[in-house]
Each structure stands twice: as C-alpha cells, then as structure tokens.
C-alpha cells in the first residue's frame, strides 16, 4: 500500500496544470482562487501556486494572509495527497502587478524591462519568460541606440512596442478577477461559518453558487472600467 501511494504521488507531480480552478468565489475574502503546478526536482517535488486576480484596494489589504490560510487548506485536495504527507520546502508570497498596456520610458536614458515594462501576459505570475522572449530584440535595439546616442525617452519608447497579445490576455484576466467594485454583488457569509463546514449552495454558504458567479463575471467589463 505504501508503494502504491508513493507511485501515485510520483505520477501526480509528473503532470502540470497551467490553470486550475476547483472552488467558486470565496465570499469571506471576495476572491476567486486559481492553482498552477509544475514538476520540480525531476518529479520528486512540485512547485505549486495559488493566486487570485484583484485590484489594489483597501478592501484587499488582508488578502495575502487570507490566501495563505486557504492555500494550506486546499492544497491536500488539489494535490491528491493527505496533509500529513506533504512536506513544504519553501514558501513565497506577494503581489505581482499587471498592466493592460505597455509602459513607455518616463525619462531619458532609462528603459523599463521585464515586469516593469508590462511586456508580458496579464495571466502570468511573473515576466521572466516574457523577458527572455524579448531579450534578443532588446539587446540589438539597445546596442543600436547606444551607437546612435539615441537615448531620449521618445527614442527608447520605440523598443517598447504595443503588444496586442498583452491586451487580449488582459481581457481574459479581467473576466477571471473579482474587483473591489464587485464586492457589493457578493453576499457575505454568516459569521462563524468556516470553509471546511460550508458546502451548501444557499445564501448561508461561504461560497458563491454558480448562477451568482455568472452574474458577477457578466459584470466584469463594467468593473474593469470602474477600477481603471
């Protein structure tokens, strides 16, 4: 039985999830949680993320501590492994800014790159891969700009072209986000209820039922412009 369990765990970590949602909107935090997982250490471990898309509003000031608790609670179910069999090696948490359009240089001789330049998908958690994709173009362009002494912000802005893919991914991300302007559309949970004990789809549940989720997602475009 132990050998079968180890084989099951090994098989699980050899797979990856780019985007996985298994719960409705959490009414206590007004967040929709998403999971992402990649194999690590040759399949002996896994790098697992839980994230949510939202806006930097005062209502979301405690979102990191709330999500840390939810991550620990939901991870065993997501991984398919009992909590006492999980071993945590390193934990990282924080905010990752995303933009709906490019960030052009604000002053001469300074060129934003990577996350600061917004040359990446708004769905991704970091811009390292996007930076690698743009690195050859940026390298050649910077060398040409240095040789020509074209280091003004107008010149450098030519190295940050508008990327239609970023705008398209932003539109998708906005439909997956819950903004502070939408909180009034989400019924708060009854005090004293816990995520573990709440499973009903009625108003007393901690989670929002499917029809409410559709209504909230339908209002995402309005919330997008209100939050902009």
Protein backbone atom coordinates (compact mmCIF):
# COMPACT_ATOMS: atom_id res chain seq x y z
CA UNK A 1 0.00 0.00 0.00
CA UNK A 2 2.84 2.38 0.81
CA UNK A 3 4.47 1.60 -2.53
CA UNK A 4 1.21 2.30 -4.37
CA UNK A 5 0.87 5.58 -2.51
CA UNK A 6 4.41 6.62 -3.48
CA UNK A 7 3.71 5.71 -7.12
CA UNK A 8 0.51 7.77 -7.04
CA UNK A 9 2.37 10.76 -5.64
CA UNK A 10 5.17 10.42 -8.19
CA UNK A 11 2.67 10.23 -11.04
CA UNK A 12 0.87 13.31 -9.74
CA UNK A 13 3.95 15.51 -9.66
CA UNK A 14 4.94 14.48 -13.18
CA UNK A 15 1.92 16.35 -14.52
CA UNK A 16 1.43 20.10 -14.73
CA UNK A 17 -1.52 22.48 -14.54
CA UNK A 18 -1.37 25.86 -16.26
CA UNK A 19 -4.69 26.99 -14.79
CA UNK A 20 -6.91 25.02 -12.43
CA UNK A 21 -9.96 26.25 -10.54
CA UNK A 22 -11.82 23.91 -8.20
CA UNK A 23 -13.82 26.24 -5.94
CA UNK A 24 -16.36 29.01 -6.52
CA UNK A 25 -15.78 32.58 -5.34
CA UNK A 26 -14.91 32.68 -1.64
CA UNK A 27 -17.43 35.03 -0.03
CA UNK A 28 -15.28 35.66 3.05
CA UNK A 29 -12.42 37.15 1.03
CA UNK A 30 -14.22 38.09 -2.21
CA UNK A 31 -11.59 36.19 -4.20
CA UNK A 32 -11.62 33.52 -6.89
CA UNK A 33 -8.69 31.15 -6.33
CA UNK A 34 -6.71 29.51 -9.12
CA UNK A 35 -3.99 26.85 -8.95
CA UNK A 36 -0.93 26.28 -11.09
CA UNK A 37 1.62 23.49 -10.74
CA UNK A 38 4.90 22.41 -12.37
CA UNK A 39 7.10 19.37 -11.67
CA UNK A 40 10.38 20.06 -9.85
CA UNK A 41 13.48 18.09 -8.86
CA UNK A 42 12.94 15.62 -11.68
CA UNK A 43 9.44 14.82 -10.50
CA UNK A 44 10.37 14.27 -6.84
CA UNK A 45 8.68 17.54 -5.89
CA UNK A 46 6.31 20.13 -7.32
CA UNK A 47 6.14 23.91 -7.46
CA UNK A 48 2.55 24.85 -6.73
CA UNK A 49 0.96 28.30 -6.88
CA UNK A 50 -2.40 29.57 -5.72
CA UNK A 51 -3.30 33.02 -6.92
CA UNK A 52 -6.19 35.40 -7.49
CA UNK A 53 -6.70 38.43 -9.71
CA UNK A 54 -7.91 41.61 -8.00
CA UNK A 55 -7.21 45.34 -7.67
CA UNK A 56 -5.10 47.23 -5.08
CA UNK A 57 -7.98 48.47 -2.94
CA UNK A 58 -8.20 48.99 0.86
CA UNK A 59 -10.74 46.16 0.99
CA UNK A 60 -7.99 43.76 -0.14
CA UNK A 61 -5.36 44.73 2.45
CA UNK A 62 -5.55 41.33 4.20
CA UNK A 63 -5.76 39.21 1.07
CA UNK A 64 -2.26 37.71 1.38
CA UNK A 65 -2.76 36.29 4.89
CA UNK A 66 -6.22 35.05 3.95
CA UNK A 67 -4.91 33.32 0.85
CA UNK A 68 -2.04 31.73 2.78
CA UNK A 69 -4.58 30.02 5.05
CA UNK A 70 -6.70 28.93 2.07
CA UNK A 71 -3.65 27.60 0.24
CA UNK A 72 -2.74 25.36 3.16
CA UNK A 73 -6.35 24.18 3.47
CA UNK A 74 -6.93 23.46 -0.22
CA UNK A 75 -3.51 22.08 -1.18
CA UNK A 76 -4.06 18.48 0.03
CA UNK A 77 -7.25 18.20 -2.03
CA UNK A 78 -5.63 19.80 -5.06
CA UNK A 79 -2.52 17.61 -4.88
CA UNK A 80 -4.46 14.49 -4.00
CA UNK A 81 -2.18 13.91 -1.01
CA UNK A 82 -3.06 13.88 2.69
CA UNK A 83 -1.94 16.97 4.62
CA UNK A 84 0.36 14.97 6.92
CA UNK A 85 2.16 13.53 3.87
CA UNK A 86 3.01 16.94 2.39
CA UNK A 87 6.47 18.39 3.01
CA UNK A 88 6.97 22.12 2.42
CA UNK A 89 10.44 23.20 1.31
CA UNK A 90 9.98 26.88 0.62
CA UNK A 91 7.10 29.32 0.65
CA UNK A 92 6.89 32.57 -1.29
CA UNK A 93 4.00 35.02 -1.40
CA UNK A 94 3.44 38.55 -2.60
CA UNK A 95 1.75 40.89 -5.04
CA UNK A 96 2.54 40.87 -8.76
CA UNK A 97 1.44 44.00 -10.67
CA UNK A 98 -0.02 43.62 -14.14
CA UNK A 99 -0.85 46.20 -16.77
CA UNK A 100 -3.26 46.36 -19.69
CA UNK A 101 -0.92 48.34 -21.94
CA UNK A 102 2.77 48.94 -22.41
CA UNK A 103 4.81 51.12 -20.04
CA UNK A 104 6.89 53.59 -22.00
CA UNK A 105 10.03 55.31 -20.64
CA UNK A 106 9.18 58.19 -18.32
CA UNK A 107 12.55 59.91 -18.65
CA UNK A 108 15.66 59.90 -20.84
CA UNK A 109 18.29 57.15 -20.56
CA UNK A 110 16.07 54.77 -18.53
CA UNK A 111 14.30 51.85 -20.21
CA UNK A 112 11.86 49.68 -18.24
CA UNK A 113 12.24 45.97 -18.94
CA UNK A 114 10.61 42.77 -17.71
CA UNK A 115 7.65 43.22 -15.36
CA UNK A 116 8.15 46.98 -15.16
CA UNK A 117 7.65 47.26 -18.94
CA UNK A 118 4.41 45.22 -18.95
CA UNK A 119 5.64 43.20 -21.93
CA UNK A 120 4.02 40.04 -20.67
CA UNK A 121 0.68 38.32 -20.36
CA UNK A 122 -1.54 39.63 -17.58
CA UNK A 123 -2.38 35.99 -16.81
CA UNK A 124 1.17 35.03 -15.83
CA UNK A 125 2.63 35.41 -12.35
CA UNK A 126 5.95 36.85 -13.43
CA UNK A 127 7.57 38.21 -16.57
CA UNK A 128 10.81 36.21 -16.69
CA UNK A 129 9.81 34.11 -19.70
CA UNK A 130 8.43 37.16 -21.47
CA UNK A 131 11.72 38.95 -20.82
CA UNK A 132 13.64 36.03 -22.36
CA UNK A 133 11.42 36.15 -25.44
CA UNK A 134 12.10 39.87 -25.87
CA UNK A 135 15.80 39.70 -24.89
CA UNK A 136 17.28 39.38 -28.41
CA UNK A 137 15.20 42.30 -29.67
CA UNK A 138 16.03 44.44 -26.63
CA UNK A 139 19.73 43.61 -26.82
CA UNK A 140 20.02 44.52 -30.51
CA UNK A 141 17.89 47.62 -30.05
CA UNK A 142 19.88 48.89 -27.06
CA UNK A 143 23.19 48.39 -28.89
CA UNK A 144 21.86 50.36 -31.85
CA UNK A 145 20.53 53.10 -29.56
CA UNK A 146 23.90 53.38 -27.78
CA UNK A 147 25.83 53.61 -31.04
CA UNK A 148 23.48 56.31 -32.33
CA UNK A 149 23.30 58.12 -28.94
CA UNK A 150 19.52 57.85 -29.28
CA UNK A 151 18.78 57.62 -25.58
CA UNK A 152 15.88 60.04 -25.24
CA UNK A 153 12.61 58.70 -23.89
CA UNK A 154 10.99 59.08 -27.32
CA UNK A 155 13.77 57.03 -28.91
CA UNK A 156 13.74 54.35 -26.23
CA UNK A 157 9.95 54.05 -26.42
CA UNK A 158 10.44 52.50 -29.87
CA UNK A 159 11.89 49.48 -28.07
CA UNK A 160 8.61 49.01 -26.19
CA UNK A 161 6.05 48.40 -28.96
CA UNK A 162 2.41 47.80 -28.24
CA UNK A 163 1.74 44.06 -27.92
CA UNK A 164 -1.80 43.01 -28.96
CA UNK A 165 -1.35 39.71 -27.09
CA UNK A 166 -0.98 41.56 -23.79
CA UNK A 167 -4.27 43.36 -24.34
CA UNK A 168 -6.03 40.09 -25.25
CA UNK A 169 -4.72 38.28 -22.16
CA UNK A 170 -5.72 41.26 -20.02
CA UNK A 171 -9.31 40.99 -21.25
CA UNK A 172 -9.33 37.31 -20.26
CA UNK A 173 -7.75 38.07 -16.89
CA UNK A 174 -10.38 40.69 -16.14
CA UNK A 175 -13.15 38.11 -16.54
CA UNK A 176 -11.36 35.88 -14.00
CA UNK A 177 -10.83 38.67 -11.46
CA UNK A 178 -13.01 39.94 -8.64
CA UNK A 179 -12.66 43.69 -8.18
CA UNK A 180 -13.46 45.72 -5.09
CA UNK A 181 -16.24 47.41 -7.07
CA UNK A 182 -17.94 44.00 -7.32
CA UNK A 183 -17.92 43.18 -3.60
CA UNK A 184 -21.43 44.55 -3.17
CA UNK A 185 -22.65 41.86 -5.58
CA UNK A 186 -21.27 39.05 -3.42
CA UNK A 187 -23.30 38.06 -0.37
CA UNK A 188 -21.17 37.87 2.76
CA UNK A 189 -21.02 34.59 4.67
CA UNK A 190 -22.71 34.13 8.03
CA UNK A 191 -20.29 34.91 10.90
CA UNK A 192 -18.83 31.77 12.39
CA UNK A 193 -19.03 29.65 9.24
CA UNK A 194 -15.84 28.01 8.04
CA UNK A 195 -14.79 26.94 4.60
CA UNK A 196 -14.50 23.34 5.76
CA UNK A 197 -18.06 23.17 7.07
CA UNK A 198 -19.75 25.23 4.34
CA UNK A 199 -20.90 23.19 1.38
CA UNK A 200 -24.44 24.43 0.71
CA UNK A 201 -25.25 26.44 -2.42
CA UNK A 202 -27.70 28.58 -0.47
CA UNK A 203 -27.13 32.08 0.84
CA UNK A 204 -25.64 30.72 4.07
CA UNK A 205 -22.70 29.12 2.26
CA UNK A 206 -19.26 30.65 2.36
CA UNK A 207 -19.01 30.17 -1.40
CA UNK A 208 -20.95 31.82 -4.18
CA UNK A 209 -23.18 29.45 -6.23
CA UNK A 210 -22.73 29.08 -9.95
CA UNK A 211 -25.50 31.42 -11.09
CA UNK A 212 -24.08 34.25 -8.95
CA UNK A 213 -20.62 33.63 -10.42
CA UNK A 214 -22.02 34.02 -13.93
CA UNK A 215 -23.74 37.26 -12.97
CA UNK A 216 -20.54 38.60 -11.44
CA UNK A 217 -18.45 37.60 -14.45
CA UNK A 218 -21.02 39.23 -16.69
CA UNK A 219 -20.41 42.50 -14.85
CA UNK A 220 -16.62 42.22 -15.22
CA UNK A 221 -16.37 44.63 -18.13
CA UNK A 222 -18.18 47.36 -16.19
CA UNK A 223 -15.97 46.72 -13.17
CA UNK A 224 -12.90 46.83 -15.39
CA UNK A 225 -13.62 50.40 -16.44
CA UNK A 226 -14.63 51.46 -12.93
CA UNK A 227 -11.37 50.10 -11.50
CA UNK A 228 -9.17 51.53 -14.25
